[in-house]
PDB file of N, CA and C in Angstrom:
ATOM      1  N   UNK A   1     165.852  86.095 162.827  1.00  0.00           N
ATOM      2  CA  UNK A   1     166.142  86.239 161.409  1.00  0.00           C
ATOM      3  C   UNK A   1     167.308  85.324 161.041  1.00  0.00           C
ATOM      4  N   UNK A   2     167.177  84.690 159.912  1.00  0.00           N
ATOM      5  CA  UNK A   2     168.193  83.762 159.446  1.00  0.00           C
ATOM      6  C   UNK A   2     169.421  84.522 158.952  1.00  0.00           C
ATOM      7  N   UNK A   3     170.583  84.109 159.372  1.00  0.00           N
ATOM      8  CA  UNK A   3     171.840  84.691 158.926  1.00  0.00           C
ATOM      9  C   UNK A   3     171.903  84.593 157.399  1.00  0.00           C
ATOM     10  N   UNK A   4     172.220  85.686 156.669  1.00  0.00           N
ATOM     11  CA  UNK A   4     172.197  85.663 155.196  1.00  0.00           C
ATOM     12  C   UNK A   4     173.082  84.579 154.577  1.00  0.00           C
ATOM     13  N   UNK A   5     174.266  84.372 155.115  1.00  0.00           N
ATOM     14  CA  UNK A   5     175.156  83.339 154.572  1.00  0.00           C
ATOM     15  C   UNK A   5     174.585  81.949 154.820  1.00  0.00           C
ATOM     16  N   UNK A   6     173.995  81.752 155.976  1.00  0.00           N
ATOM     17  CA  UNK A   6     173.383  80.467 156.315  1.00  0.00           C
ATOM     18  C   UNK A   6     172.204  80.187 155.388  1.00  0.00           C
ATOM     19  N   UNK A   7     171.385  81.192 155.179  1.00  0.00           N
ATOM     20  CA  UNK A   7     170.215  81.058 154.310  1.00  0.00           C
ATOM     21  C   UNK A   7     170.641  80.708 152.884  1.00  0.00           C
ATOM     22  N   UNK A   8     171.634  81.378 152.376  1.00  0.00           N
ATOM     23  CA  UNK A   8     172.126  81.114 151.016  1.00  0.00           C
ATOM     24  C   UNK A   8     172.736  79.715 150.915  1.00  0.00           C
ATOM     25  N   UNK A   9     173.490  79.314 151.925  1.00  0.00           N
ATOM     26  CA  UNK A   9     174.091  77.977 151.920  1.00  0.00           C
ATOM     27  C   UNK A   9     173.015  76.898 151.914  1.00  0.00           C
ATOM     28  N   UNK A  10     172.005  77.042 152.754  1.00  0.00           N
ATOM     29  CA  UNK A  10     170.929  76.050 152.811  1.00  0.00           C
ATOM     30  C   UNK A  10     170.171  75.996 151.489  1.00  0.00           C
ATOM     31  N   UNK A  11     169.961  77.136 150.887  1.00  0.00           N
ATOM     32  CA  UNK A  11     169.281  77.183 149.587  1.00  0.00           C
ATOM     33  C   UNK A  11     170.085  76.422 148.541  1.00  0.00           C
ATOM     34  N   UNK A  12     171.381  76.691 148.475  1.00  0.00           N
ATOM     35  CA  UNK A  12     172.249  75.995 147.509  1.00  0.00           C
ATOM     36  C   UNK A  12     172.308  74.503 147.800  1.00  0.00           C
ATOM     37  N   UNK A  13     172.438  74.156 149.058  1.00  0.00           N
ATOM     38  CA  UNK A  13     172.598  72.763 149.462  1.00  0.00           C
ATOM     39  C   UNK A  13     171.353  71.929 149.185  1.00  0.00           C
ATOM     40  N   UNK A  14     170.207  72.451 149.529  1.00  0.00           N
ATOM     41  CA  UNK A  14     168.989  71.637 149.520  1.00  0.00           C
ATOM     42  C   UNK A  14     168.035  71.874 148.358  1.00  0.00           C
ATOM     43  N   UNK A  15     168.083  73.033 147.758  1.00  0.00           N
ATOM     44  CA  UNK A  15     167.000  73.353 146.839  1.00  0.00           C
ATOM     45  C   UNK A  15     167.418  73.689 145.413  1.00  0.00           C
ATOM     46  N   UNK A  16     168.708  73.778 145.119  1.00  0.00           N
ATOM     47  CA  UNK A  16     169.102  74.145 143.762  1.00  0.00           C
ATOM     48  C   UNK A  16     169.258  72.956 142.832  1.00  0.00           C
ATOM     49  N   UNK A  17     169.880  71.887 143.294  1.00  0.00           N
ATOM     50  CA  UNK A  17     170.058  70.741 142.393  1.00  0.00           C
ATOM     51  C   UNK A  17     170.251  69.452 143.178  1.00  0.00           C
ATOM     52  N   UNK A  18     169.835  68.368 142.540  1.00  0.00           N
ATOM     53  CA  UNK A  18     170.058  67.054 143.139  1.00  0.00           C
ATOM     54  C   UNK A  18     171.545  66.739 143.211  1.00  0.00           C
ATOM     55  N   UNK A  19     172.305  67.217 142.240  1.00  0.00           N
ATOM     56  CA  UNK A  19     173.744  66.929 142.203  1.00  0.00           C
ATOM     57  C   UNK A  19     174.413  67.436 143.480  1.00  0.00           C
ATOM     58  N   UNK A  20     174.163  68.673 143.831  1.00  0.00           N
ATOM     59  CA  UNK A  20     174.760  69.242 145.045  1.00  0.00           C
ATOM     60  C   UNK A  20     174.284  68.508 146.291  1.00  0.00           C
ATOM     61  N   UNK A  21     172.999  68.242 146.347  1.00  0.00           N
ATOM     62  CA  UNK A  21     172.433  67.552 147.514  1.00  0.00           C
ATOM     63  C   UNK A  21     173.054  66.159 147.668  1.00  0.00           C
ATOM     64  N   UNK A  22     173.186  65.442 146.568  1.00  0.00           N
ATOM     65  CA  UNK A  22     173.782  64.100 146.620  1.00  0.00           C
ATOM     66  C   UNK A  22     175.258  64.177 147.002  1.00  0.00           C
ATOM     67  N   UNK A  23     175.983  65.135 146.438  1.00  0.00           N
ATOM     68  CA  UNK A  23     177.410  65.263 146.757  1.00  0.00           C
ATOM     69  C   UNK A  23     177.639  65.595 148.226  1.00  0.00           C
ATOM     70  N   UNK A  24     176.808  66.454 148.774  1.00  0.00           N
ATOM     71  CA  UNK A  24     177.029  66.915 150.140  1.00  0.00           C
ATOM     72  C   UNK A  24     176.343  66.061 151.206  1.00  0.00           C
ATOM     73  N   UNK A  25     175.155  65.522 150.884  1.00  0.00           N
ATOM     74  CA  UNK A  25     174.383  64.788 151.892  1.00  0.00           C
ATOM     75  C   UNK A  25     174.181  63.317 151.561  1.00  0.00           C
ATOM     76  N   UNK A  26     174.648  62.902 150.371  1.00  0.00           N
ATOM     77  CA  UNK A  26     174.519  61.511 149.894  1.00  0.00           C
ATOM     78  C   UNK A  26     173.051  61.095 149.761  1.00  0.00           C
ATOM     79  N   UNK A  27     172.209  62.064 149.363  1.00  0.00           N
ATOM     80  CA  UNK A  27     170.774  61.821 149.261  1.00  0.00           C
ATOM     81  C   UNK A  27     170.188  62.841 148.285  1.00  0.00           C
ATOM     82  N   UNK A  28     169.266  62.391 147.411  1.00  0.00           N
ATOM     83  CA  UNK A  28     168.647  63.372 146.518  1.00  0.00           C
ATOM     84  C   UNK A  28     167.611  64.195 147.280  1.00  0.00           C
ATOM     85  N   UNK A  29     167.143  65.265 146.642  1.00  0.00           N
ATOM     86  CA  UNK A  29     166.247  66.193 147.329  1.00  0.00           C
ATOM     87  C   UNK A  29     164.918  65.559 147.719  1.00  0.00           C
ATOM     88  N   UNK A  30     164.363  64.721 146.847  1.00  0.00           N
ATOM     89  CA  UNK A  30     163.071  64.083 147.152  1.00  0.00           C
ATOM     90  C   UNK A  30     163.192  63.178 148.380  1.00  0.00           C
ATOM     91  N   UNK A  31     164.254  62.401 148.436  1.00  0.00           N
ATOM     92  CA  UNK A  31     164.476  61.517 149.582  1.00  0.00           C
ATOM     93  C   UNK A  31     164.729  62.328 150.843  1.00  0.00           C
ATOM     94  N   UNK A  32     165.444  63.429 150.696  1.00  0.00           N
ATOM     95  CA  UNK A  32     165.706  64.314 151.830  1.00  0.00           C
ATOM     96  C   UNK A  32     164.393  64.840 152.423  1.00  0.00           C
ATOM     97  N   UNK A  33     163.482  65.260 151.559  1.00  0.00           N
ATOM     98  CA  UNK A  33     162.185  65.770 152.021  1.00  0.00           C
ATOM     99  C   UNK A  33     161.403  64.672 152.743  1.00  0.00           C
ATOM    100  N   UNK A  34     161.425  63.461 152.200  1.00  0.00           N
ATOM    101  CA  UNK A  34     160.736  62.330 152.840  1.00  0.00           C
ATOM    102  C   UNK A  34     161.326  62.061 154.224  1.00  0.00           C
ATOM    103  N   UNK A  35     162.654  62.052 154.313  1.00  0.00           N
ATOM    104  CA  UNK A  35     163.313  61.830 155.607  1.00  0.00           C
ATOM    105  C   UNK A  35     162.934  62.922 156.605  1.00  0.00           C
ATOM    106  N   UNK A  36     162.934  64.167 156.160  1.00  0.00           N
ATOM    107  CA  UNK A  36     162.564  65.274 157.051  1.00  0.00           C
ATOM    108  C   UNK A  36     161.147  65.103 157.584  1.00  0.00           C
ATOM    109  N   UNK A  37     160.231  64.705 156.718  1.00  0.00           N
ATOM    110  CA  UNK A  37     158.844  64.488 157.155  1.00  0.00           C
ATOM    111  C   UNK A  37     158.760  63.338 158.155  1.00  0.00           C
ATOM    112  N   UNK A  38     159.498  62.267 157.883  1.00  0.00           N
ATOM    113  CA  UNK A  38     159.474  61.113 158.798  1.00  0.00           C
ATOM    114  C   UNK A  38     159.992  61.483 160.183  1.00  0.00           C
ATOM    115  N   UNK A  39     161.122  62.178 160.233  1.00  0.00           N
ATOM    116  CA  UNK A  39     161.686  62.502 161.549  1.00  0.00           C
ATOM    117  C   UNK A  39     160.823  63.517 162.288  1.00  0.00           C
ATOM    118  N   UNK A  40     160.122  64.347 161.549  1.00  0.00           N
ATOM    119  CA  UNK A  40     159.244  65.322 162.195  1.00  0.00           C
ATOM    120  C   UNK A  40     157.936  64.680 162.658  1.00  0.00           C
ATOM    121  N   UNK A  41     157.279  63.947 161.766  1.00  0.00           N
ATOM    122  CA  UNK A  41     155.956  63.402 162.080  1.00  0.00           C
ATOM    123  C   UNK A  41     156.054  62.135 162.927  1.00  0.00           C
ATOM    124  N   UNK A  42     156.809  61.156 162.450  1.00  0.00           N
ATOM    125  CA  UNK A  42     156.907  59.876 163.160  1.00  0.00           C
ATOM    126  C   UNK A  42     157.885  59.931 164.334  1.00  0.00           C
ATOM    127  N   UNK A  43     158.979  60.660 164.145  1.00  0.00           N
ATOM    128  CA  UNK A  43     160.009  60.706 165.174  1.00  0.00           C
ATOM    129  C   UNK A  43     159.866  61.837 166.161  1.00  0.00           C
ATOM    130  N   UNK A  44     158.923  62.752 165.889  1.00  0.00           N
ATOM    131  CA  UNK A  44     158.629  63.876 166.790  1.00  0.00           C
ATOM    132  C   UNK A  44     159.809  64.832 166.980  1.00  0.00           C
ATOM    133  N   UNK A  45     160.659  64.958 165.941  1.00  0.00           N
ATOM    134  CA  UNK A  45     161.736  65.946 166.001  1.00  0.00           C
ATOM    135  C   UNK A  45     161.106  67.331 165.924  1.00  0.00           C
ATOM    136  N   UNK A  46     161.559  68.233 166.756  1.00  0.00           N
ATOM    137  CA  UNK A  46     160.961  69.559 166.837  1.00  0.00           C
ATOM    138  C   UNK A  46     161.787  70.590 166.080  1.00  0.00           C
ATOM    139  N   UNK A  47     161.077  71.481 165.408  1.00  0.00           N
ATOM    140  CA  UNK A  47     161.724  72.639 164.796  1.00  0.00           C
ATOM    141  C   UNK A  47     161.903  73.689 165.888  1.00  0.00           C
ATOM    142  N   UNK A  48     162.943  74.461 165.766  1.00  0.00           N
ATOM    143  CA  UNK A  48     163.195  75.539 166.708  1.00  0.00           C
ATOM    144  C   UNK A  48     163.068  76.859 165.972  1.00  0.00           C
ATOM    145  N   UNK A  49     162.935  77.913 166.720  1.00  0.00           N
ATOM    146  CA  UNK A  49     162.720  79.231 166.122  1.00  0.00           C
ATOM    147  C   UNK A  49     163.773  79.557 165.066  1.00  0.00           C
ATOM    148  N   UNK A  50     165.015  79.263 165.352  1.00  0.00           N
ATOM    149  CA  UNK A  50     166.093  79.609 164.430  1.00  0.00           C
ATOM    150  C   UNK A  50     166.746  78.394 163.778  1.00  0.00           C
ATOM    151  N   UNK A  51     166.174  77.218 163.959  1.00  0.00           N
ATOM    152  CA  UNK A  51     166.750  76.027 163.340  1.00  0.00           C
ATOM    153  C   UNK A  51     165.626  75.055 162.980  1.00  0.00           C
ATOM    154  N   UNK A  52     165.305  75.017 161.709  1.00  0.00           N
ATOM    155  CA  UNK A  52     164.198  74.205 161.220  1.00  0.00           C
ATOM    156  C   UNK A  52     164.624  72.748 161.056  1.00  0.00           C
ATOM    157  N   UNK A  53     163.655  71.891 160.800  1.00  0.00           N
ATOM    158  CA  UNK A  53     163.894  70.457 160.638  1.00  0.00           C
ATOM    159  C   UNK A  53     164.893  70.192 159.519  1.00  0.00           C
ATOM    160  N   UNK A  54     164.725  70.856 158.373  1.00  0.00           N
ATOM    161  CA  UNK A  54     165.604  70.572 157.234  1.00  0.00           C
ATOM    162  C   UNK A  54     167.066  70.864 157.546  1.00  0.00           C
ATOM    163  N   UNK A  55     167.330  71.921 158.294  1.00  0.00           N
ATOM    164  CA  UNK A  55     168.716  72.233 158.636  1.00  0.00           C
ATOM    165  C   UNK A  55     169.271  71.240 159.660  1.00  0.00           C
ATOM    166  N   UNK A  56     168.465  70.808 160.607  1.00  0.00           N
ATOM    167  CA  UNK A  56     168.915  69.810 161.581  1.00  0.00           C
ATOM    168  C   UNK A  56     169.296  68.510 160.877  1.00  0.00           C
ATOM    169  N   UNK A  57     168.437  68.073 159.955  1.00  0.00           N
ATOM    170  CA  UNK A  57     168.698  66.835 159.217  1.00  0.00           C
ATOM    171  C   UNK A  57     169.910  67.013 158.304  1.00  0.00           C
ATOM    172  N   UNK A  58     170.050  68.173 157.685  1.00  0.00           N
ATOM    173  CA  UNK A  58     171.204  68.433 156.818  1.00  0.00           C
ATOM    174  C   UNK A  58     172.511  68.380 157.611  1.00  0.00           C
ATOM    175  N   UNK A  59     172.531  68.959 158.790  1.00  0.00           N
ATOM    176  CA  UNK A  59     173.725  68.909 159.645  1.00  0.00           C
ATOM    177  C   UNK A  59     174.073  67.456 159.961  1.00  0.00           C
ATOM    178  N   UNK A  60     173.080  66.690 160.353  1.00  0.00           N
ATOM    179  CA  UNK A  60     173.263  65.272 160.670  1.00  0.00           C
ATOM    180  C   UNK A  60     173.845  64.514 159.473  1.00  0.00           C
ATOM    181  N   UNK A  61     173.226  64.667 158.306  1.00  0.00           N
ATOM    182  CA  UNK A  61     173.682  63.936 157.117  1.00  0.00           C
ATOM    183  C   UNK A  61     175.063  64.392 156.662  1.00  0.00           C
ATOM    184  N   UNK A  62     175.334  65.682 156.757  1.00  0.00           N
ATOM    185  CA  UNK A  62     176.636  66.212 156.349  1.00  0.00           C
ATOM    186  C   UNK A  62     177.752  65.615 157.216  1.00  0.00           C
ATOM    187  N   UNK A  63     177.533  65.567 158.510  1.00  0.00           N
ATOM    188  CA  UNK A  63     178.540  65.008 159.420  1.00  0.00           C
ATOM    189  C   UNK A  63     178.783  63.535 159.107  1.00  0.00           C
ATOM    190  N   UNK A  64     177.711  62.784 158.880  1.00  0.00           N
ATOM    191  CA  UNK A  64     177.863  61.365 158.543  1.00  0.00           C
ATOM    192  C   UNK A  64     178.508  61.166 157.175  1.00  0.00           C
ATOM    193  N   UNK A  65     178.072  61.936 156.193  1.00  0.00           N
ATOM    194  CA  UNK A  65     178.548  61.765 154.819  1.00  0.00           C
ATOM    195  C   UNK A  65     180.032  62.063 154.678  1.00  0.00           C
ATOM    196  N   UNK A  66     180.513  63.038 155.418  1.00  0.00           N
ATOM    197  CA  UNK A  66     181.903  63.468 155.257  1.00  0.00           C
ATOM    198  C   UNK A  66     182.787  63.135 156.450  1.00  0.00           C
ATOM    199  N   UNK A  67     182.205  62.502 157.450  1.00  0.00           N
ATOM    200  CA  UNK A  67     182.942  62.114 158.653  1.00  0.00           C
ATOM    201  C   UNK A  67     183.754  63.299 159.183  1.00  0.00           C
ATOM    202  N   UNK A  68     183.046  64.419 159.377  1.00  0.00           N
ATOM    203  CA  UNK A  68     183.716  65.632 159.838  1.00  0.00           C
ATOM    204  C   UNK A  68     183.489  65.848 161.329  1.00  0.00           C
ATOM    205  N   UNK A  69     184.357  66.627 161.890  1.00  0.00           N
ATOM    206  CA  UNK A  69     184.260  66.982 163.304  1.00  0.00           C
ATOM    207  C   UNK A  69     183.297  68.153 163.482  1.00  0.00           C
ATOM    208  N   UNK A  70     182.919  68.380 164.706  1.00  0.00           N
ATOM    209  CA  UNK A  70     181.997  69.454 165.053  1.00  0.00           C
ATOM    210  C   UNK A  70     182.501  70.817 164.574  1.00  0.00           C
ATOM    211  N   UNK A  71     183.777  71.071 164.697  1.00  0.00           N
ATOM    212  CA  UNK A  71     184.310  72.381 164.313  1.00  0.00           C
ATOM    213  C   UNK A  71     184.181  72.638 162.818  1.00  0.00           C
ATOM    214  N   UNK A  72     184.209  71.586 162.009  1.00  0.00           N
ATOM    215  CA  UNK A  72     184.034  71.737 160.561  1.00  0.00           C
ATOM    216  C   UNK A  72     182.570  72.012 160.246  1.00  0.00           C
ATOM    217  N   UNK A  73     181.673  71.251 160.841  1.00  0.00           N
ATOM    218  CA  UNK A  73     180.247  71.432 160.554  1.00  0.00           C
ATOM    219  C   UNK A  73     179.734  72.776 161.069  1.00  0.00           C
ATOM    220  N   UNK A  74     180.249  73.249 162.185  1.00  0.00           N
ATOM    221  CA  UNK A  74     179.791  74.546 162.689  1.00  0.00           C
ATOM    222  C   UNK A  74     180.206  75.666 161.740  1.00  0.00           C
ATOM    223  N   UNK A  75     181.375  75.544 161.148  1.00  0.00           N
ATOM    224  CA  UNK A  75     181.816  76.534 160.168  1.00  0.00           C
ATOM    225  C   UNK A  75     180.964  76.440 158.906  1.00  0.00           C
ATOM    226  N   UNK A  76     180.729  75.231 158.449  1.00  0.00           N
ATOM    227  CA  UNK A  76     179.977  74.999 157.215  1.00  0.00           C
ATOM    228  C   UNK A  76     178.545  75.527 157.318  1.00  0.00           C
ATOM    229  N   UNK A  77     177.905  75.329 158.463  1.00  0.00           N
ATOM    230  CA  UNK A  77     176.504  75.706 158.637  1.00  0.00           C
ATOM    231  C   UNK A  77     176.316  77.036 159.369  1.00  0.00           C
ATOM    232  N   UNK A  78     177.410  77.713 159.690  1.00  0.00           N
ATOM    233  CA  UNK A  78     177.346  79.012 160.369  1.00  0.00           C
ATOM    234  C   UNK A  78     176.553  78.913 161.670  1.00  0.00           C
ATOM    235  N   UNK A  79     176.900  77.907 162.460  1.00  0.00           N
ATOM    236  CA  UNK A  79     176.260  77.662 163.753  1.00  0.00           C
ATOM    237  C   UNK A  79     177.335  77.510 164.817  1.00  0.00           C
ATOM    238  N   UNK A  80     176.934  77.614 166.064  1.00  0.00           N
ATOM    239  CA  UNK A  80     177.887  77.368 167.145  1.00  0.00           C
ATOM    240  C   UNK A  80     178.139  75.868 167.251  1.00  0.00           C
ATOM    241  N   UNK A  81     179.266  75.516 167.830  1.00  0.00           N
ATOM    242  CA  UNK A  81     179.572  74.108 168.054  1.00  0.00           C
ATOM    243  C   UNK A  81     178.534  73.450 168.944  1.00  0.00           C
ATOM    244  N   UNK A  82     178.048  74.186 169.918  1.00  0.00           N
ATOM    245  CA  UNK A  82     177.018  73.665 170.821  1.00  0.00           C
ATOM    246  C   UNK A  82     175.729  73.348 170.051  1.00  0.00           C
ATOM    247  N   UNK A  83     175.336  74.238 169.151  1.00  0.00           N
ATOM    248  CA  UNK A  83     174.099  74.026 168.373  1.00  0.00           C
ATOM    249  C   UNK A  83     174.233  72.830 167.440  1.00  0.00           C
ATOM    250  N   UNK A  84     175.362  72.726 166.727  1.00  0.00           N
ATOM    251  CA  UNK A  84     175.512  71.599 165.801  1.00  0.00           C
ATOM    252  C   UNK A  84     175.545  70.282 166.564  1.00  0.00           C
ATOM    253  N   UNK A  85     176.220  70.257 167.687  1.00  0.00           N
ATOM    254  CA  UNK A  85     176.291  69.042 168.498  1.00  0.00           C
ATOM    255  C   UNK A  85     174.911  68.648 169.037  1.00  0.00           C
ATOM    256  N   UNK A  86     174.199  69.605 169.579  1.00  0.00           N
ATOM    257  CA  UNK A  86     172.873  69.343 170.153  1.00  0.00           C
ATOM    258  C   UNK A  86     171.920  68.793 169.092  1.00  0.00           C
ATOM    259  N   UNK A  87     171.870  69.425 167.946  1.00  0.00           N
ATOM    260  CA  UNK A  87     170.901  69.024 166.927  1.00  0.00           C
ATOM    261  C   UNK A  87     171.328  67.750 166.206  1.00  0.00           C
ATOM    262  N   UNK A  88     172.623  67.528 166.077  1.00  0.00           N
ATOM    263  CA  UNK A  88     173.092  66.245 165.548  1.00  0.00           C
ATOM    264  C   UNK A  88     172.609  65.119 166.461  1.00  0.00           C
ATOM    265  N   UNK A  89     172.804  65.283 167.757  1.00  0.00           N
ATOM    266  CA  UNK A  89     172.381  64.255 168.720  1.00  0.00           C
ATOM    267  C   UNK A  89     170.867  64.064 168.735  1.00  0.00           C
ATOM    268  N   UNK A  90     170.115  65.152 168.590  1.00  0.00           N
ATOM    269  CA  UNK A  90     168.652  65.031 168.520  1.00  0.00           C
ATOM    270  C   UNK A  90     168.234  64.171 167.334  1.00  0.00           C
ATOM    271  N   UNK A  91     168.842  64.414 166.173  1.00  0.00           N
ATOM    272  CA  UNK A  91     168.485  63.643 164.977  1.00  0.00           C
ATOM    273  C   UNK A  91     168.943  62.194 165.131  1.00  0.00           C
ATOM    274  N   UNK A  92     170.121  61.967 165.692  1.00  0.00           N
ATOM    275  CA  UNK A  92     170.594  60.596 165.931  1.00  0.00           C
ATOM    276  C   UNK A  92     169.576  59.829 166.773  1.00  0.00           C
ATOM    277  N   UNK A  93     169.103  60.435 167.833  1.00  0.00           N
ATOM    278  CA  UNK A  93     168.138  59.763 168.708  1.00  0.00           C
ATOM    279  C   UNK A  93     166.833  59.445 167.983  1.00  0.00           C
ATOM    280  N   UNK A  94     166.382  60.341 167.131  1.00  0.00           N
ATOM    281  CA  UNK A  94     165.158  60.089 166.358  1.00  0.00           C
ATOM    282  C   UNK A  94     165.386  58.959 165.364  1.00  0.00           C
ATOM    283  N   UNK A  95     166.524  58.959 164.684  1.00  0.00           N
ATOM    284  CA  UNK A  95     166.831  57.900 163.712  1.00  0.00           C
ATOM    285  C   UNK A  95     166.890  56.541 164.412  1.00  0.00           C
ATOM    286  N   UNK A  96     167.459  56.494 165.589  1.00  0.00           N
ATOM    287  CA  UNK A  96     167.507  55.238 166.350  1.00  0.00           C
ATOM    288  C   UNK A  96     166.091  54.770 166.685  1.00  0.00           C
ATOM    289  N   UNK A  97     165.234  55.699 167.094  1.00  0.00           N
ATOM    290  CA  UNK A  97     163.841  55.326 167.396  1.00  0.00           C
ATOM    291  C   UNK A  97     163.095  54.839 166.156  1.00  0.00           C
ATOM    292  N   UNK A  98     163.458  55.344 164.989  1.00  0.00           N
ATOM    293  CA  UNK A  98     162.770  54.988 163.740  1.00  0.00           C
ATOM    294  C   UNK A  98     163.492  53.898 162.952  1.00  0.00           C
ATOM    295  N   UNK A  99     164.403  53.195 163.588  1.00  0.00           N
ATOM    296  CA  UNK A  99     165.224  52.234 162.849  1.00  0.00           C
ATOM    297  C   UNK A  99     164.408  51.221 162.060  1.00  0.00           C
ATOM    298  N   UNK A 100     163.304  50.742 162.589  1.00  0.00           N
ATOM    299  CA  UNK A 100     162.510  49.731 161.881  1.00  0.00           C
ATOM    300  C   UNK A 100     161.858  50.298 160.625  1.00  0.00           C
ATOM    301  N   UNK A 101     161.535  51.573 160.633  1.00  0.00           N
ATOM    302  CA  UNK A 101     160.950  52.218 159.463  1.00  0.00           C
ATOM    303  C   UNK A 101     162.020  52.654 158.456  1.00  0.00           C
ATOM    304  N   UNK A 102     163.200  52.984 158.950  1.00  0.00           N
ATOM    305  CA  UNK A 102     164.243  53.539 158.087  1.00  0.00           C
ATOM    306  C   UNK A 102     165.182  52.497 157.489  1.00  0.00           C
ATOM    307  N   UNK A 103     165.419  51.409 158.205  1.00  0.00           N
ATOM    308  CA  UNK A 103     166.407  50.436 157.760  1.00  0.00           C
ATOM    309  C   UNK A 103     165.763  49.100 157.470  1.00  0.00           C
ATOM    310  N   UNK A 104     166.233  48.483 156.419  1.00  0.00           N
ATOM    311  CA  UNK A 104     165.744  47.167 156.041  1.00  0.00           C
ATOM    312  C   UNK A 104     166.849  46.168 156.335  1.00  0.00           C
ATOM    313  N   UNK A 105     166.556  45.204 157.175  1.00  0.00           N
ATOM    314  CA  UNK A 105     167.523  44.176 157.531  1.00  0.00           C
ATOM    315  C   UNK A 105     167.266  42.965 156.644  1.00  0.00           C
ATOM    316  N   UNK A 106     168.197  42.691 155.741  1.00  0.00           N
ATOM    317  CA  UNK A 106     168.037  41.591 154.787  1.00  0.00           C
ATOM    318  C   UNK A 106     169.039  40.504 155.121  1.00  0.00           C
ATOM    319  N   UNK A 107     168.535  39.322 155.388  1.00  0.00           N
ATOM    320  CA  UNK A 107     169.408  38.185 155.637  1.00  0.00           C
ATOM    321  C   UNK A 107     170.261  38.314 156.879  1.00  0.00           C
ATOM    322  N   UNK A 108     169.885  39.206 157.760  1.00  0.00           N
ATOM    323  CA  UNK A 108     170.644  39.402 158.987  1.00  0.00           C
ATOM    324  C   UNK A 108     169.731  39.054 160.150  1.00  0.00           C
ATOM    325  N   UNK A 109     170.221  38.204 160.987  1.00  0.00           N
ATOM    326  CA  UNK A 109     169.453  37.855 162.173  1.00  0.00           C
ATOM    327  C   UNK A 109     169.700  38.912 163.232  1.00  0.00           C
ATOM    328  N   UNK A 110     168.656  39.541 163.650  1.00  0.00           N
ATOM    329  CA  UNK A 110     168.769  40.626 164.615  1.00  0.00           C
ATOM    330  C   UNK A 110     168.739  40.069 166.027  1.00  0.00           C
ATOM    331  N   UNK A 111     169.668  40.486 166.826  1.00  0.00           N
ATOM    332  CA  UNK A 111     169.753  40.051 168.217  1.00  0.00           C
ATOM    333  C   UNK A 111     169.195  41.170 169.082  1.00  0.00           C
ATOM    334  N   UNK A 112     168.174  40.842 169.847  1.00  0.00           N
ATOM    335  CA  UNK A 112     167.573  41.824 170.756  1.00  0.00           C
ATOM    336  C   UNK A 112     168.434  41.935 172.009  1.00  0.00           C
ATOM    337  N   UNK A 113     168.619  43.153 172.505  1.00  0.00           N
ATOM    338  CA  UNK A 113     169.428  43.332 173.723  1.00  0.00           C
ATOM    339  C   UNK A 113     168.749  42.779 174.953  1.00  0.00           C
TER     340      UNK A 113
END
């Protein structure tokens, strides 16, 4: 069962208004949904019993958007530090795998390793 405070926070963050979503995640709700679908379908990110794709992606974007430490994000999302760290890293790895689909390199010569 989803923690009531966590459920309410996710509802406010992701589903009430674009303004809140943009302020907190630097992305509107429609783009957020597209990103979630991409990381799930193309990137094979897995949902867990108590942590769905949208919350994993929200944790990832929140940490990047606000340059916060693990202890801040765990408080914000009502999760353990271990959970926020694990799922942040999972999303990072998926984003790296999907870099060609997610990022457009304009006028930059890419050097292959």
